[in-house]
Amino acid sequence: MKQSQKLAVTIVCVTSLTAALAKTPSSDLYVQANDAYTHGDCNTAIELFTRYKAENEEKLKEHVDFLQKINSAINYCKTGSYEKYLQAKNEVIDTLVAKIHTAIEVIGKGASNEEAFALIKQASDLSKEINANDKLDNARSKVNRKLKAAMLYAKDSDLQNAKEELRDAKKDLEALK
């Protein structure tokens, strides 16, 4: 079987599993478990994933890949790796927020275009350190677009608009925590 055929079969399996799970009342349990997991509440995620596995044992036997993903999430939580990941992500976000805050303050005190541009560029470069799932990466990209817009404003001597873009980027970053 060609690689593209394998991919197509996998997509069909995942789609059918998603549809099957959506029709069962316990799919809410999976959604809750996944939500707890993505928000770093590992104790709740482990409890809900374990209940989900018990309630859907037969269905999960047919979907071993899905079961492996659930088990991986549980193990990730149990080893503490997920908490370490969240802590590291939050540290990068805090540092980035501080850099943006510094740029806003410096602009407010009458910095030159070059000084403002350099500070914003540092923040933009640091934003690339945030990487994870698609949702987080999309949010990071949105922040990075605002930082790039702020750099362009600073380059064009429009520090007021640069400051506004920085405030928006800072607000979006703080929402990621």
C-alpha atoms as a PDB file:
ATOM      1  CA  MET A   1       0.000   0.000   0.000  1.00  0.00           C
ATOM      2  CA  LYS A   2       1.342   3.437  -0.932  1.00  0.00           C
ATOM      3  CA  GLN A   3       1.999   6.053   1.732  1.00  0.00           C
ATOM      4  CA  SER A   4      -0.822   8.243   0.398  1.00  0.00           C
ATOM      5  CA  GLN A   5      -3.235   5.314   0.609  1.00  0.00           C
ATOM      6  CA  LYS A   6      -2.186   4.629   4.205  1.00  0.00           C
ATOM      7  CA  LEU A   7      -2.776   8.281   5.026  1.00  0.00           C
ATOM      8  CA  ALA A   8      -6.218   8.176   3.415  1.00  0.00           C
ATOM      9  CA  VAL A   9      -7.140   5.057   5.418  1.00  0.00           C
ATOM     10  CA  THR A  10      -5.919   6.713   8.611  1.00  0.00           C
ATOM     11  CA  ILE A  11      -7.980   9.825   7.907  1.00  0.00           C
ATOM     12  CA  VAL A  12     -11.071   7.708   7.261  1.00  0.00           C
ATOM     13  CA  CYS A  13     -10.500   5.787  10.509  1.00  0.00           C
ATOM     14  CA  VAL A  14     -10.030   8.945  12.553  1.00  0.00           C
ATOM     15  CA  THR A  15     -13.098  10.516  10.947  1.00  0.00           C
ATOM     16  CA  SER A  16     -15.222   7.455  11.638  1.00  0.00           C
ATOM     17  CA  LEU A  17     -13.946   7.265  15.202  1.00  0.00           C
ATOM     18  CA  THR A  18     -14.702  10.931  15.762  1.00  0.00           C
ATOM     19  CA  ALA A  19     -18.204  10.450  14.356  1.00  0.00           C
ATOM     20  CA  ALA A  20     -18.780   7.331  16.459  1.00  0.00           C
ATOM     21  CA  LEU A  21     -17.572   9.043  19.600  1.00  0.00           C
ATOM     22  CA  ALA A  22     -19.717  12.086  18.943  1.00  0.00           C
ATOM     23  CA  LYS A  23     -22.828   9.876  18.909  1.00  0.00           C
ATOM     24  CA  THR A  24     -22.159   8.344  22.305  1.00  0.00           C
ATOM     25  CA  PRO A  25     -23.052  10.033  25.574  1.00  0.00           C
ATOM     26  CA  SER A  26     -19.593   9.308  26.956  1.00  0.00           C
ATOM     27  CA  SER A  27     -17.987  11.441  24.251  1.00  0.00           C
ATOM     28  CA  ASP A  28     -18.661  14.371  26.591  1.00  0.00           C
ATOM     29  CA  LEU A  29     -16.393  12.608  29.059  1.00  0.00           C
ATOM     30  CA  TYR A  30     -13.621  12.494  26.452  1.00  0.00           C
ATOM     31  CA  VAL A  31     -14.114  16.183  25.629  1.00  0.00           C
ATOM     32  CA  GLN A  32     -13.887  17.041  29.327  1.00  0.00           C
ATOM     33  CA  ALA A  33     -10.761  14.894  29.737  1.00  0.00           C
ATOM     34  CA  ASN A  34      -9.111  16.430  26.702  1.00  0.00           C
ATOM     35  CA  ASP A  35     -10.022  19.931  27.864  1.00  0.00           C
ATOM     36  CA  ALA A  36      -8.526  19.254  31.306  1.00  0.00           C
ATOM     37  CA  TYR A  37      -5.398  17.874  29.650  1.00  0.00           C
ATOM     38  CA  THR A  38      -4.929  20.850  27.338  1.00  0.00           C
ATOM     39  CA  HIS A  39      -5.324  23.222  30.286  1.00  0.00           C
ATOM     40  CA  GLY A  40      -2.726  21.363  32.354  1.00  0.00           C
ATOM     41  CA  ASP A  41      -5.125  19.887  34.918  1.00  0.00           C
ATOM     42  CA  CYS A  42      -3.462  16.489  34.874  1.00  0.00           C
ATOM     43  CA  ASN A  43      -5.202  15.031  37.924  1.00  0.00           C
ATOM     44  CA  THR A  44      -8.629  15.643  36.401  1.00  0.00           C
ATOM     45  CA  ALA A  45      -7.434  14.505  32.967  1.00  0.00           C
ATOM     46  CA  ILE A  46      -6.110  11.211  34.335  1.00  0.00           C
ATOM     47  CA  GLU A  47      -9.356  10.557  36.209  1.00  0.00           C
ATOM     48  CA  LEU A  48     -11.573  11.386  33.211  1.00  0.00           C
ATOM     49  CA  PHE A  49      -9.435   9.531  30.655  1.00  0.00           C
ATOM     50  CA  THR A  50      -9.429   6.467  32.923  1.00  0.00           C
ATOM     51  CA  ARG A  51     -13.223   6.599  33.262  1.00  0.00           C
ATOM     52  CA  TYR A  52     -13.559   7.084  29.512  1.00  0.00           C
ATOM     53  CA  LYS A  53     -11.390   4.039  28.852  1.00  0.00           C
ATOM     54  CA  ALA A  54     -13.456   1.925  31.254  1.00  0.00           C
ATOM     55  CA  GLU A  55     -16.766   3.027  29.722  1.00  0.00           C
ATOM     56  CA  ASN A  56     -15.587   2.556  26.127  1.00  0.00           C
ATOM     57  CA  GLU A  57     -13.405  -0.526  26.448  1.00  0.00           C
ATOM     58  CA  GLU A  58     -14.969  -2.420  23.531  1.00  0.00           C
ATOM     59  CA  LYS A  59     -14.990   0.560  21.195  1.00  0.00           C
ATOM     60  CA  LEU A  60     -11.363   1.356  22.003  1.00  0.00           C
ATOM     61  CA  LYS A  61     -10.307  -2.205  21.133  1.00  0.00           C
ATOM     62  CA  GLU A  62     -11.284  -1.380  17.567  1.00  0.00           C
ATOM     63  CA  HIS A  63      -9.323   1.883  17.642  1.00  0.00           C
ATOM     64  CA  VAL A  64      -5.946   1.004  19.099  1.00  0.00           C
ATOM     65  CA  ASP A  65      -4.269   4.196  17.853  1.00  0.00           C
ATOM     66  CA  PHE A  66      -6.810   6.306  19.708  1.00  0.00           C
ATOM     67  CA  LEU A  67      -6.313   4.229  22.849  1.00  0.00           C
ATOM     68  CA  GLN A  68      -2.557   4.713  22.560  1.00  0.00           C
ATOM     69  CA  LYS A  69      -3.030   8.481  22.396  1.00  0.00           C
ATOM     70  CA  ILE A  70      -5.151   8.401  25.544  1.00  0.00           C
ATOM     71  CA  ASN A  71      -2.554   6.240  27.307  1.00  0.00           C
ATOM     72  CA  SER A  72       0.219   8.590  26.181  1.00  0.00           C
ATOM     73  CA  ALA A  73      -1.650  11.568  27.620  1.00  0.00           C
ATOM     74  CA  ILE A  74      -2.129   9.742  30.915  1.00  0.00           C
ATOM     75  CA  ASN A  75       1.550   8.747  31.067  1.00  0.00           C
ATOM     76  CA  TYR A  76       2.645  12.258  30.133  1.00  0.00           C
ATOM     77  CA  CYS A  77       0.652  13.575  33.069  1.00  0.00           C
ATOM     78  CA  LYS A  78       1.850  10.896  35.481  1.00  0.00           C
ATOM     79  CA  THR A  79       5.530  11.539  34.768  1.00  0.00           C
ATOM     80  CA  GLY A  80       5.173  15.271  35.351  1.00  0.00           C
ATOM     81  CA  SER A  81       6.402  16.081  31.858  1.00  0.00           C
ATOM     82  CA  TYR A  82       3.280  18.042  31.050  1.00  0.00           C
ATOM     83  CA  GLU A  83       3.629  20.277  34.098  1.00  0.00           C
ATOM     84  CA  LYS A  84       7.268  20.939  33.172  1.00  0.00           C
ATOM     85  CA  TYR A  85       6.206  21.804  29.638  1.00  0.00           C
ATOM     86  CA  LEU A  86       3.510  24.219  30.893  1.00  0.00           C
ATOM     87  CA  GLN A  87       5.935  25.820  33.322  1.00  0.00           C
ATOM     88  CA  ALA A  88       8.529  26.353  30.580  1.00  0.00           C
ATOM     89  CA  LYS A  89       5.886  27.758  28.223  1.00  0.00           C
ATOM     90  CA  ASN A  90       4.657  30.178  30.898  1.00  0.00           C
ATOM     91  CA  GLU A  91       8.212  31.307  31.654  1.00  0.00           C
ATOM     92  CA  VAL A  92       8.771  32.177  27.993  1.00  0.00           C
ATOM     93  CA  ILE A  93       5.436  34.013  27.890  1.00  0.00           C
ATOM     94  CA  ASP A  94       6.302  35.952  31.063  1.00  0.00           C
ATOM     95  CA  THR A  95       9.682  36.960  29.630  1.00  0.00           C
ATOM     96  CA  LEU A  96       8.068  38.001  26.362  1.00  0.00           C
ATOM     97  CA  VAL A  97       5.389  40.041  28.168  1.00  0.00           C
ATOM     98  CA  ALA A  98       8.158  41.765  30.165  1.00  0.00           C
ATOM     99  CA  LYS A  99      10.063  42.632  26.954  1.00  0.00           C
ATOM    100  CA  ILE A 100       6.912  44.049  25.373  1.00  0.00           C
ATOM    101  CA  HIS A 101       6.137  46.010  28.542  1.00  0.00           C
ATOM    102  CA  THR A 102       9.677  47.455  28.471  1.00  0.00           C
ATOM    103  CA  ALA A 103       9.236  48.481  24.832  1.00  0.00           C
ATOM    104  CA  ILE A 104       5.926  50.191  25.658  1.00  0.00           C
ATOM    105  CA  GLU A 105       7.531  52.080  28.553  1.00  0.00           C
ATOM    106  CA  VAL A 106      10.555  53.140  26.509  1.00  0.00           C
ATOM    107  CA  ILE A 107       8.324  54.397  23.707  1.00  0.00           C
ATOM    108  CA  GLY A 108       6.267  56.287  26.288  1.00  0.00           C
ATOM    109  CA  LYS A 109       9.442  57.982  27.546  1.00  0.00           C
ATOM    110  CA  GLY A 110      10.335  59.229  24.073  1.00  0.00           C
ATOM    111  CA  ALA A 111      12.654  56.576  22.677  1.00  0.00           C
ATOM    112  CA  SER A 112      14.059  56.937  19.204  1.00  0.00           C
ATOM    113  CA  ASN A 113      12.663  54.872  16.360  1.00  0.00           C
ATOM    114  CA  GLU A 114      15.820  52.757  16.337  1.00  0.00           C
ATOM    115  CA  GLU A 115      15.617  52.024  20.070  1.00  0.00           C
ATOM    116  CA  ALA A 116      11.948  51.096  19.814  1.00  0.00           C
ATOM    117  CA  PHE A 117      12.574  48.927  16.763  1.00  0.00           C
ATOM    118  CA  ALA A 118      15.443  47.078  18.507  1.00  0.00           C
ATOM    119  CA  LEU A 119      13.336  46.311  21.595  1.00  0.00           C
ATOM    120  CA  ILE A 120      10.370  45.149  19.533  1.00  0.00           C
ATOM    121  CA  LYS A 121      12.679  42.963  17.414  1.00  0.00           C
ATOM    122  CA  GLN A 122      14.000  41.290  20.581  1.00  0.00           C
ATOM    123  CA  ALA A 123      10.426  40.475  21.590  1.00  0.00           C
ATOM    124  CA  SER A 124       9.612  39.218  18.105  1.00  0.00           C
ATOM    125  CA  ASP A 125      12.661  36.942  18.109  1.00  0.00           C
ATOM    126  CA  LEU A 126      11.755  35.583  21.543  1.00  0.00           C
ATOM    127  CA  SER A 127       8.195  34.811  20.449  1.00  0.00           C
ATOM    128  CA  LYS A 128       9.605  32.064  18.224  1.00  0.00           C
ATOM    129  CA  GLU A 129      10.516  30.157  21.403  1.00  0.00           C
ATOM    130  CA  ILE A 130       6.830  29.473  22.019  1.00  0.00           C
ATOM    131  CA  ASN A 131       5.934  26.288  20.214  1.00  0.00           C
ATOM    132  CA  ALA A 132       3.505  23.527  20.967  1.00  0.00           C
ATOM    133  CA  ASN A 133       0.152  22.521  19.662  1.00  0.00           C
ATOM    134  CA  ASP A 134      -1.657  24.117  16.728  1.00  0.00           C
ATOM    135  CA  LYS A 135      -3.870  26.282  18.928  1.00  0.00           C
ATOM    136  CA  LEU A 136      -0.915  27.758  20.790  1.00  0.00           C
ATOM    137  CA  ASP A 137       1.081  28.157  17.601  1.00  0.00           C
ATOM    138  CA  ASN A 138      -1.800  30.033  15.945  1.00  0.00           C
ATOM    139  CA  ALA A 139      -2.012  32.380  18.923  1.00  0.00           C
ATOM    140  CA  ARG A 140       1.767  32.866  18.847  1.00  0.00           C
ATOM    141  CA  SER A 141       1.591  33.683  15.128  1.00  0.00           C
ATOM    142  CA  LYS A 142      -1.072  36.288  15.819  1.00  0.00           C
ATOM    143  CA  VAL A 143       1.145  37.909  18.469  1.00  0.00           C
ATOM    144  CA  ASN A 144       4.114  37.780  16.123  1.00  0.00           C
ATOM    145  CA  ARG A 145       2.125  39.543  13.391  1.00  0.00           C
ATOM    146  CA  LYS A 146       1.331  42.334  15.841  1.00  0.00           C
ATOM    147  CA  LEU A 147       5.001  42.593  16.827  1.00  0.00           C
ATOM    148  CA  LYS A 148       6.027  42.815  13.175  1.00  0.00           C
ATOM    149  CA  ALA A 149       3.410  45.524  12.612  1.00  0.00           C
ATOM    150  CA  ALA A 150       4.813  47.387  15.630  1.00  0.00           C
ATOM    151  CA  MET A 151       8.325  47.125  14.154  1.00  0.00           C
ATOM    152  CA  LEU A 152       7.085  48.571  10.862  1.00  0.00           C
ATOM    153  CA  TYR A 153       5.376  51.440  12.682  1.00  0.00           C
ATOM    154  CA  ALA A 154       8.562  52.099  14.662  1.00  0.00           C
ATOM    155  CA  LYS A 155      10.606  52.081  11.465  1.00  0.00           C
ATOM    156  CA  ASP A 156       8.191  54.614   9.948  1.00  0.00           C
ATOM    157  CA  SER A 157       8.407  56.879  13.046  1.00  0.00           C
ATOM    158  CA  ASP A 158       4.804  56.094  14.051  1.00  0.00           C
ATOM    159  CA  LEU A 159       5.510  55.160  17.658  1.00  0.00           C
ATOM    160  CA  GLN A 160       1.928  55.708  18.820  1.00  0.00           C
ATOM    161  CA  ASN A 161       0.626  52.939  16.555  1.00  0.00           C
ATOM    162  CA  ALA A 162       3.641  50.791  17.469  1.00  0.00           C
ATOM    163  CA  LYS A 163       2.669  51.186  21.114  1.00  0.00           C
ATOM    164  CA  GLU A 164      -0.930  50.137  20.357  1.00  0.00           C
ATOM    165  CA  GLU A 165       0.232  47.034  18.508  1.00  0.00           C
ATOM    166  CA  LEU A 166       2.474  46.188  21.456  1.00  0.00           C
ATOM    167  CA  ARG A 167      -0.402  46.574  23.912  1.00  0.00           C
ATOM    168  CA  ASP A 168      -2.563  44.264  21.779  1.00  0.00           C
ATOM    169  CA  ALA A 169       0.248  41.703  21.536  1.00  0.00           C
ATOM    170  CA  LYS A 170       0.799  41.834  25.301  1.00  0.00           C
ATOM    171  CA  LYS A 171      -2.924  41.309  25.961  1.00  0.00           C
ATOM    172  CA  ASP A 172      -3.009  38.325  23.584  1.00  0.00           C
ATOM    173  CA  LEU A 173       0.068  36.798  25.238  1.00  0.00           C
ATOM    174  CA  GLU A 174      -1.354  37.140  28.716  1.00  0.00           C
ATOM    175  CA  ALA A 175      -4.468  35.287  27.514  1.00  0.00           C
ATOM    176  CA  LEU A 176      -2.298  32.279  26.570  1.00  0.00           C
ATOM    177  CA  LYS A 177      -1.474  31.481  30.184  1.00  0.00           C
END
